[in-house]
């Protein structure tokens, strides 16, 4: 478990984080991080919780969708742009997903309908079609 919330951290997420392959929970919300989540996020195969709210800009990496054990994903209040990854429906265990208040656009992926464990989905304040 690595919790770095509210620490005034600046700059990009260090690439060494993506080598912590046994990491279960990674919370880094409310810092001043820049850039995006690396495509190396798919190395964190044990990850169950990810919170990067109020931090990042750029697009969401498709590697994020390879985290099969993820059950909570909080990416609200960032400046993430572009389309949501098509593989969002691959999160077989996800219960909570908040991608609200970003700059996401395009169509919602049809794969979202495959999220059978989903209890909470928040996507307002984006510009979806």
N, C-alpha and C. Protein backbone atom coordinates (compact mmCIF):
# COMPACT_ATOMS: atom_id res chain seq x y z
N UNK A 1 0.86 -1.18 0.00
CA UNK A 1 0.00 0.00 0.00
C UNK A 1 0.89 1.23 0.00
N UNK A 2 0.61 2.17 -0.90
CA UNK A 2 1.37 3.42 -0.97
C UNK A 2 0.37 4.57 -1.04
N UNK A 3 0.31 5.38 0.01
CA UNK A 3 -0.62 6.49 0.08
C UNK A 3 0.18 7.78 0.15
N UNK A 4 0.05 8.60 -0.88
CA UNK A 4 0.80 9.86 -1.00
C UNK A 4 -0.13 11.06 -1.14
N UNK A 5 -1.38 10.93 -0.74
CA UNK A 5 -2.35 12.01 -0.87
C UNK A 5 -1.90 13.26 -0.12
N UNK A 6 -2.26 14.42 -0.68
CA UNK A 6 -2.10 15.72 -0.02
C UNK A 6 -0.69 16.00 0.50
N UNK A 7 0.30 15.81 -0.35
CA UNK A 7 1.69 16.03 0.05
C UNK A 7 2.39 17.11 -0.75
N UNK A 8 1.68 17.84 -1.59
CA UNK A 8 2.27 18.89 -2.43
C UNK A 8 3.39 18.35 -3.31
N UNK A 9 3.28 17.08 -3.71
CA UNK A 9 4.27 16.49 -4.61
C UNK A 9 4.14 17.14 -5.98
N UNK A 10 5.27 17.39 -6.63
CA UNK A 10 5.29 18.06 -7.93
C UNK A 10 6.00 17.19 -8.96
N UNK A 11 5.70 17.48 -10.23
CA UNK A 11 6.38 16.79 -11.32
C UNK A 11 5.65 15.53 -11.74
N UNK A 12 6.27 14.75 -12.62
CA UNK A 12 5.63 13.52 -13.09
C UNK A 12 5.71 12.42 -12.03
N UNK A 13 4.88 11.41 -12.21
CA UNK A 13 4.94 10.24 -11.34
C UNK A 13 6.26 9.53 -11.64
N UNK A 14 7.08 9.27 -10.63
CA UNK A 14 8.37 8.60 -10.87
C UNK A 14 8.17 7.23 -11.52
N UNK A 15 8.95 6.92 -12.52
CA UNK A 15 8.82 5.64 -13.21
C UNK A 15 9.10 4.46 -12.29
N UNK A 16 9.85 4.67 -11.23
CA UNK A 16 10.16 3.58 -10.29
C UNK A 16 8.89 3.05 -9.60
N UNK A 17 7.86 3.87 -9.51
CA UNK A 17 6.58 3.43 -8.92
C UNK A 17 6.04 2.22 -9.68
N UNK A 18 6.22 2.23 -11.00
CA UNK A 18 5.66 1.17 -11.84
C UNK A 18 6.44 -0.14 -11.74
N UNK A 19 7.48 -0.17 -10.91
CA UNK A 19 8.24 -1.39 -10.66
C UNK A 19 7.77 -2.08 -9.37
N UNK A 20 6.85 -1.47 -8.66
CA UNK A 20 6.33 -2.04 -7.41
C UNK A 20 5.22 -3.04 -7.73
N UNK A 21 5.60 -4.16 -8.31
CA UNK A 21 4.64 -5.09 -8.90
C UNK A 21 3.71 -5.75 -7.87
N UNK A 22 4.02 -5.67 -6.59
CA UNK A 22 3.15 -6.26 -5.57
C UNK A 22 2.27 -5.22 -4.90
N UNK A 23 2.25 -4.01 -5.43
CA UNK A 23 1.48 -2.91 -4.86
C UNK A 23 -0.02 -3.19 -5.01
N UNK A 24 -0.76 -3.10 -3.90
CA UNK A 24 -2.20 -3.32 -3.91
C UNK A 24 -2.98 -2.03 -4.06
N UNK A 25 -2.53 -0.98 -3.39
CA UNK A 25 -3.25 0.29 -3.37
C UNK A 25 -2.25 1.41 -3.63
N UNK A 26 -2.62 2.32 -4.52
CA UNK A 26 -1.77 3.48 -4.82
C UNK A 26 -2.66 4.71 -4.87
N UNK A 27 -2.57 5.53 -3.82
CA UNK A 27 -3.33 6.78 -3.74
C UNK A 27 -2.34 7.94 -3.81
N UNK A 28 -2.61 8.86 -4.73
CA UNK A 28 -1.74 10.02 -4.91
C UNK A 28 -2.56 11.27 -5.21
N UNK A 29 -3.75 11.35 -4.68
CA UNK A 29 -4.63 12.47 -5.01
C UNK A 29 -4.19 13.76 -4.33
N UNK A 30 -4.68 14.85 -4.88
CA UNK A 30 -4.50 16.19 -4.31
C UNK A 30 -3.03 16.57 -4.12
N UNK A 31 -2.24 16.32 -5.13
CA UNK A 31 -0.86 16.79 -5.18
C UNK A 31 -0.77 17.76 -6.36
N UNK A 32 0.41 18.04 -6.80
CA UNK A 32 0.61 18.90 -7.96
C UNK A 32 1.40 18.15 -9.03
N UNK A 33 1.00 16.91 -9.25
CA UNK A 33 1.66 16.08 -10.24
C UNK A 33 1.31 16.55 -11.64
N UNK A 34 2.21 16.33 -12.57
CA UNK A 34 1.98 16.74 -13.95
C UNK A 34 2.15 15.54 -14.87
N UNK A 35 1.70 15.71 -16.08
CA UNK A 35 1.87 14.64 -17.05
C UNK A 35 0.75 13.63 -16.95
N UNK A 36 1.09 12.39 -17.20
CA UNK A 36 0.06 11.35 -17.26
C UNK A 36 0.52 10.10 -16.52
N UNK A 37 -0.39 9.17 -16.41
CA UNK A 37 -0.05 7.85 -15.89
C UNK A 37 0.68 7.12 -17.01
N UNK A 38 1.82 6.54 -16.71
CA UNK A 38 2.63 5.85 -17.72
C UNK A 38 1.94 4.59 -18.22
N UNK A 39 2.26 4.23 -19.44
CA UNK A 39 1.75 2.96 -19.98
C UNK A 39 2.29 1.78 -19.17
N UNK A 40 3.34 2.01 -18.39
CA UNK A 40 3.90 0.95 -17.53
C UNK A 40 2.99 0.61 -16.35
N UNK A 41 1.86 1.31 -16.23
CA UNK A 41 0.90 1.00 -15.17
C UNK A 41 0.47 -0.46 -15.24
N UNK A 42 0.52 -1.04 -16.45
CA UNK A 42 0.10 -2.44 -16.59
C UNK A 42 1.06 -3.40 -15.89
N UNK A 43 2.22 -2.92 -15.41
CA UNK A 43 3.13 -3.76 -14.62
C UNK A 43 2.57 -4.02 -13.22
N UNK A 44 1.67 -3.18 -12.76
CA UNK A 44 1.13 -3.28 -11.40
C UNK A 44 -0.05 -4.25 -11.37
N UNK A 45 0.23 -5.49 -11.66
CA UNK A 45 -0.83 -6.49 -11.85
C UNK A 45 -1.61 -6.82 -10.58
N UNK A 46 -1.09 -6.47 -9.41
CA UNK A 46 -1.79 -6.73 -8.15
C UNK A 46 -2.63 -5.54 -7.69
N UNK A 47 -2.59 -4.44 -8.44
CA UNK A 47 -3.25 -3.21 -8.01
C UNK A 47 -4.76 -3.39 -7.92
N UNK A 48 -5.31 -3.00 -6.76
CA UNK A 48 -6.75 -3.07 -6.55
C UNK A 48 -7.39 -1.70 -6.40
N UNK A 49 -6.61 -0.71 -5.99
CA UNK A 49 -7.13 0.64 -5.81
C UNK A 49 -6.17 1.67 -6.37
N UNK A 50 -6.69 2.59 -7.18
CA UNK A 50 -5.89 3.67 -7.76
C UNK A 50 -6.66 4.97 -7.63
N UNK A 51 -6.03 5.97 -7.00
CA UNK A 51 -6.63 7.30 -6.88
C UNK A 51 -5.59 8.33 -7.28
N UNK A 52 -5.85 9.00 -8.39
CA UNK A 52 -4.99 10.08 -8.85
C UNK A 52 -5.83 11.31 -9.12
N UNK A 53 -6.78 11.58 -8.26
CA UNK A 53 -7.68 12.72 -8.42
C UNK A 53 -6.92 14.03 -8.23
N UNK A 54 -7.41 15.07 -8.88
CA UNK A 54 -6.88 16.43 -8.71
C UNK A 54 -5.39 16.54 -9.01
N UNK A 55 -4.94 15.95 -10.09
CA UNK A 55 -3.52 15.93 -10.40
C UNK A 55 -3.17 16.12 -11.86
N UNK A 56 -3.52 15.16 -12.67
CA UNK A 56 -2.84 14.91 -13.93
C UNK A 56 -3.49 15.56 -15.14
N UNK A 57 -2.75 15.54 -16.22
CA UNK A 57 -3.26 15.97 -17.51
C UNK A 57 -2.80 14.94 -18.53
N UNK A 58 -3.30 14.99 -19.71
CA UNK A 58 -2.95 14.09 -20.80
C UNK A 58 -4.08 13.11 -21.04
N UNK A 59 -3.77 11.96 -21.60
CA UNK A 59 -4.78 10.95 -21.88
C UNK A 59 -4.61 9.78 -20.91
N UNK A 60 -5.64 8.96 -20.83
CA UNK A 60 -5.56 7.77 -19.99
C UNK A 60 -4.92 6.66 -20.81
N UNK A 61 -3.89 6.00 -20.28
CA UNK A 61 -3.21 4.96 -21.06
C UNK A 61 -4.05 3.71 -21.19
N UNK A 62 -3.94 3.06 -22.34
CA UNK A 62 -4.69 1.82 -22.55
C UNK A 62 -4.21 0.72 -21.60
N UNK A 63 -2.94 0.79 -21.16
CA UNK A 63 -2.41 -0.20 -20.22
C UNK A 63 -3.17 -0.25 -18.91
N UNK A 64 -3.84 0.84 -18.59
CA UNK A 64 -4.67 0.89 -17.39
C UNK A 64 -5.72 -0.21 -17.41
N UNK A 65 -6.21 -0.53 -18.58
CA UNK A 65 -7.29 -1.51 -18.74
C UNK A 65 -6.82 -2.95 -18.54
N UNK A 66 -5.53 -3.15 -18.37
CA UNK A 66 -5.00 -4.50 -18.15
C UNK A 66 -4.95 -4.87 -16.67
N UNK A 67 -5.37 -3.96 -15.81
CA UNK A 67 -5.35 -4.20 -14.37
C UNK A 67 -6.62 -4.96 -13.96
N UNK A 68 -6.59 -6.25 -14.12
CA UNK A 68 -7.77 -7.10 -13.95
C UNK A 68 -8.32 -7.14 -12.52
N UNK A 69 -7.47 -6.88 -11.52
CA UNK A 69 -7.91 -6.96 -10.13
C UNK A 69 -8.38 -5.62 -9.57
N UNK A 70 -8.33 -4.57 -10.38
CA UNK A 70 -8.70 -3.23 -9.91
C UNK A 70 -10.17 -3.20 -9.50
N UNK A 71 -10.46 -2.71 -8.31
CA UNK A 71 -11.86 -2.61 -7.89
C UNK A 71 -12.27 -1.19 -7.59
N UNK A 72 -11.30 -0.24 -7.55
CA UNK A 72 -11.68 1.17 -7.43
C UNK A 72 -10.70 2.01 -8.24
N UNK A 73 -11.28 2.94 -9.01
CA UNK A 73 -10.49 3.81 -9.88
C UNK A 73 -11.05 5.23 -9.75
N UNK A 74 -10.24 6.12 -9.19
CA UNK A 74 -10.64 7.51 -8.99
C UNK A 74 -9.69 8.41 -9.76
N UNK A 75 -10.20 9.01 -10.82
CA UNK A 75 -9.42 9.91 -11.67
C UNK A 75 -10.15 11.23 -11.88
N UNK A 76 -11.01 11.61 -10.96
CA UNK A 76 -11.81 12.82 -11.12
C UNK A 76 -10.97 14.08 -10.92
N UNK A 77 -11.48 15.16 -11.48
CA UNK A 77 -10.89 16.50 -11.32
C UNK A 77 -9.45 16.57 -11.80
N UNK A 78 -9.17 15.93 -12.91
CA UNK A 78 -7.89 16.05 -13.59
C UNK A 78 -8.14 16.86 -14.86
N UNK A 79 -7.19 16.88 -15.72
CA UNK A 79 -7.37 17.52 -17.03
C UNK A 79 -7.13 16.49 -18.12
N UNK A 80 -7.60 15.27 -17.90
CA UNK A 80 -7.42 14.20 -18.88
C UNK A 80 -8.26 14.49 -20.11
N UNK A 81 -7.64 14.34 -21.26
CA UNK A 81 -8.29 14.65 -22.53
C UNK A 81 -8.42 13.39 -23.38
N UNK A 82 -9.12 13.53 -24.48
CA UNK A 82 -9.24 12.43 -25.44
C UNK A 82 -10.36 11.48 -25.09
N UNK A 83 -10.34 10.35 -25.74
CA UNK A 83 -11.36 9.33 -25.58
C UNK A 83 -10.99 8.41 -24.43
N UNK A 84 -11.99 7.86 -23.78
CA UNK A 84 -11.73 6.85 -22.76
C UNK A 84 -11.18 5.60 -23.45
N UNK A 85 -10.27 4.88 -22.82
CA UNK A 85 -9.74 3.65 -23.42
C UNK A 85 -10.87 2.66 -23.72
N UNK A 86 -10.82 2.03 -24.87
CA UNK A 86 -11.87 1.10 -25.28
C UNK A 86 -11.97 -0.10 -24.34
N UNK A 87 -10.88 -0.46 -23.69
CA UNK A 87 -10.86 -1.64 -22.84
C UNK A 87 -11.34 -1.43 -21.42
N UNK A 88 -12.03 -0.31 -21.13
CA UNK A 88 -12.50 -0.08 -19.76
C UNK A 88 -13.38 -1.22 -19.25
N UNK A 89 -14.02 -1.93 -20.12
CA UNK A 89 -14.86 -3.05 -19.73
C UNK A 89 -14.08 -4.26 -19.26
N UNK A 90 -12.75 -4.21 -19.36
CA UNK A 90 -11.91 -5.33 -18.92
C UNK A 90 -11.75 -5.38 -17.40
N UNK A 91 -12.19 -4.35 -16.71
CA UNK A 91 -12.09 -4.33 -15.25
C UNK A 91 -13.17 -5.24 -14.66
N UNK A 92 -12.90 -6.52 -14.63
CA UNK A 92 -13.91 -7.48 -14.18
C UNK A 92 -14.34 -7.27 -12.74
N UNK A 93 -13.46 -6.71 -11.91
CA UNK A 93 -13.74 -6.57 -10.49
C UNK A 93 -14.13 -5.16 -10.07
N UNK A 94 -14.07 -4.19 -10.96
CA UNK A 94 -14.25 -2.79 -10.56
C UNK A 94 -15.66 -2.55 -10.01
N UNK A 95 -15.67 -1.87 -8.86
CA UNK A 95 -16.94 -1.52 -8.21
C UNK A 95 -17.18 -0.02 -8.25
N UNK A 96 -16.10 0.76 -8.16
CA UNK A 96 -16.21 2.22 -8.09
C UNK A 96 -15.31 2.83 -9.15
N UNK A 97 -15.90 3.68 -9.99
CA UNK A 97 -15.13 4.37 -11.03
C UNK A 97 -15.62 5.80 -11.13
N UNK A 98 -14.71 6.74 -10.93
CA UNK A 98 -15.04 8.16 -11.03
C UNK A 98 -14.05 8.82 -11.98
N UNK A 99 -14.56 9.26 -13.12
CA UNK A 99 -13.75 9.95 -14.13
C UNK A 99 -14.37 11.32 -14.39
N UNK A 100 -15.11 11.83 -13.43
CA UNK A 100 -15.82 13.10 -13.61
C UNK A 100 -14.87 14.29 -13.65
N UNK A 101 -15.37 15.39 -14.21
CA UNK A 101 -14.67 16.67 -14.22
C UNK A 101 -13.29 16.58 -14.86
N UNK A 102 -13.24 15.99 -16.02
CA UNK A 102 -12.04 15.95 -16.84
C UNK A 102 -12.37 16.64 -18.16
N UNK A 103 -11.62 16.35 -19.17
CA UNK A 103 -11.88 16.89 -20.51
C UNK A 103 -12.01 15.74 -21.49
N UNK A 104 -12.57 14.62 -21.01
CA UNK A 104 -12.76 13.45 -21.86
C UNK A 104 -13.82 13.77 -22.92
N UNK A 105 -13.68 13.15 -24.08
CA UNK A 105 -14.61 13.41 -25.17
C UNK A 105 -14.87 12.12 -25.93
N UNK A 106 -15.66 12.22 -26.98
CA UNK A 106 -15.98 11.07 -27.80
C UNK A 106 -17.12 10.27 -27.22
N UNK A 107 -17.26 9.06 -27.71
CA UNK A 107 -18.32 8.18 -27.24
C UNK A 107 -17.85 7.37 -26.04
N UNK A 108 -18.81 7.03 -25.20
CA UNK A 108 -18.49 6.13 -24.09
C UNK A 108 -18.24 4.74 -24.67
N UNK A 109 -17.20 4.06 -24.24
CA UNK A 109 -16.92 2.72 -24.77
C UNK A 109 -18.07 1.76 -24.47
N UNK A 110 -18.47 1.00 -25.47
CA UNK A 110 -19.53 0.01 -25.28
C UNK A 110 -19.14 -1.03 -24.24
N UNK A 111 -17.84 -1.21 -24.05
CA UNK A 111 -17.36 -2.21 -23.10
C UNK A 111 -17.76 -1.90 -21.66
N UNK A 112 -18.18 -0.65 -21.37
CA UNK A 112 -18.63 -0.32 -20.02
C UNK A 112 -19.81 -1.19 -19.59
N UNK A 113 -20.57 -1.67 -20.55
CA UNK A 113 -21.72 -2.51 -20.23
C UNK A 113 -21.30 -3.88 -19.68
N UNK A 114 -20.03 -4.23 -19.81
CA UNK A 114 -19.53 -5.51 -19.29
C UNK A 114 -19.12 -5.45 -17.82
N UNK A 115 -19.21 -4.29 -17.21
CA UNK A 115 -18.77 -4.12 -15.82
C UNK A 115 -19.86 -4.61 -14.86
N UNK A 116 -19.94 -5.90 -14.68
CA UNK A 116 -21.02 -6.51 -13.92
C UNK A 116 -20.93 -6.26 -12.42
N UNK A 117 -19.75 -5.95 -11.90
CA UNK A 117 -19.59 -5.70 -10.47
C UNK A 117 -19.75 -4.22 -10.13
N UNK A 118 -19.90 -3.37 -11.13
CA UNK A 118 -19.92 -1.92 -10.94
C UNK A 118 -21.10 -1.48 -10.08
N UNK A 119 -20.79 -0.72 -9.03
CA UNK A 119 -21.80 -0.15 -8.15
C UNK A 119 -21.91 1.36 -8.30
N UNK A 120 -20.81 2.00 -8.69
CA UNK A 120 -20.77 3.47 -8.75
C UNK A 120 -19.95 3.89 -9.96
N UNK A 121 -20.56 4.66 -10.85
CA UNK A 121 -19.87 5.23 -12.02
C UNK A 121 -20.23 6.70 -12.09
N UNK A 122 -19.22 7.56 -12.06
CA UNK A 122 -19.43 9.00 -12.15
C UNK A 122 -18.63 9.55 -13.32
N UNK A 123 -19.32 10.12 -14.31
CA UNK A 123 -18.64 10.65 -15.49
C UNK A 123 -19.13 12.04 -15.92
N UNK A 124 -19.83 12.81 -15.06
CA UNK A 124 -20.28 14.13 -15.50
C UNK A 124 -19.11 15.10 -15.68
N UNK A 125 -19.42 16.24 -16.23
CA UNK A 125 -18.47 17.33 -16.47
C UNK A 125 -17.33 16.92 -17.38
N UNK A 126 -17.68 16.18 -18.42
CA UNK A 126 -16.81 15.87 -19.54
C UNK A 126 -17.55 16.31 -20.79
N UNK A 127 -17.05 16.01 -21.94
CA UNK A 127 -17.74 16.40 -23.18
C UNK A 127 -17.98 15.19 -24.07
N UNK A 128 -18.62 14.17 -23.51
CA UNK A 128 -18.92 12.97 -24.28
C UNK A 128 -20.00 13.26 -25.32
N UNK A 129 -19.96 12.50 -26.42
CA UNK A 129 -20.97 12.64 -27.48
C UNK A 129 -22.30 12.10 -27.00
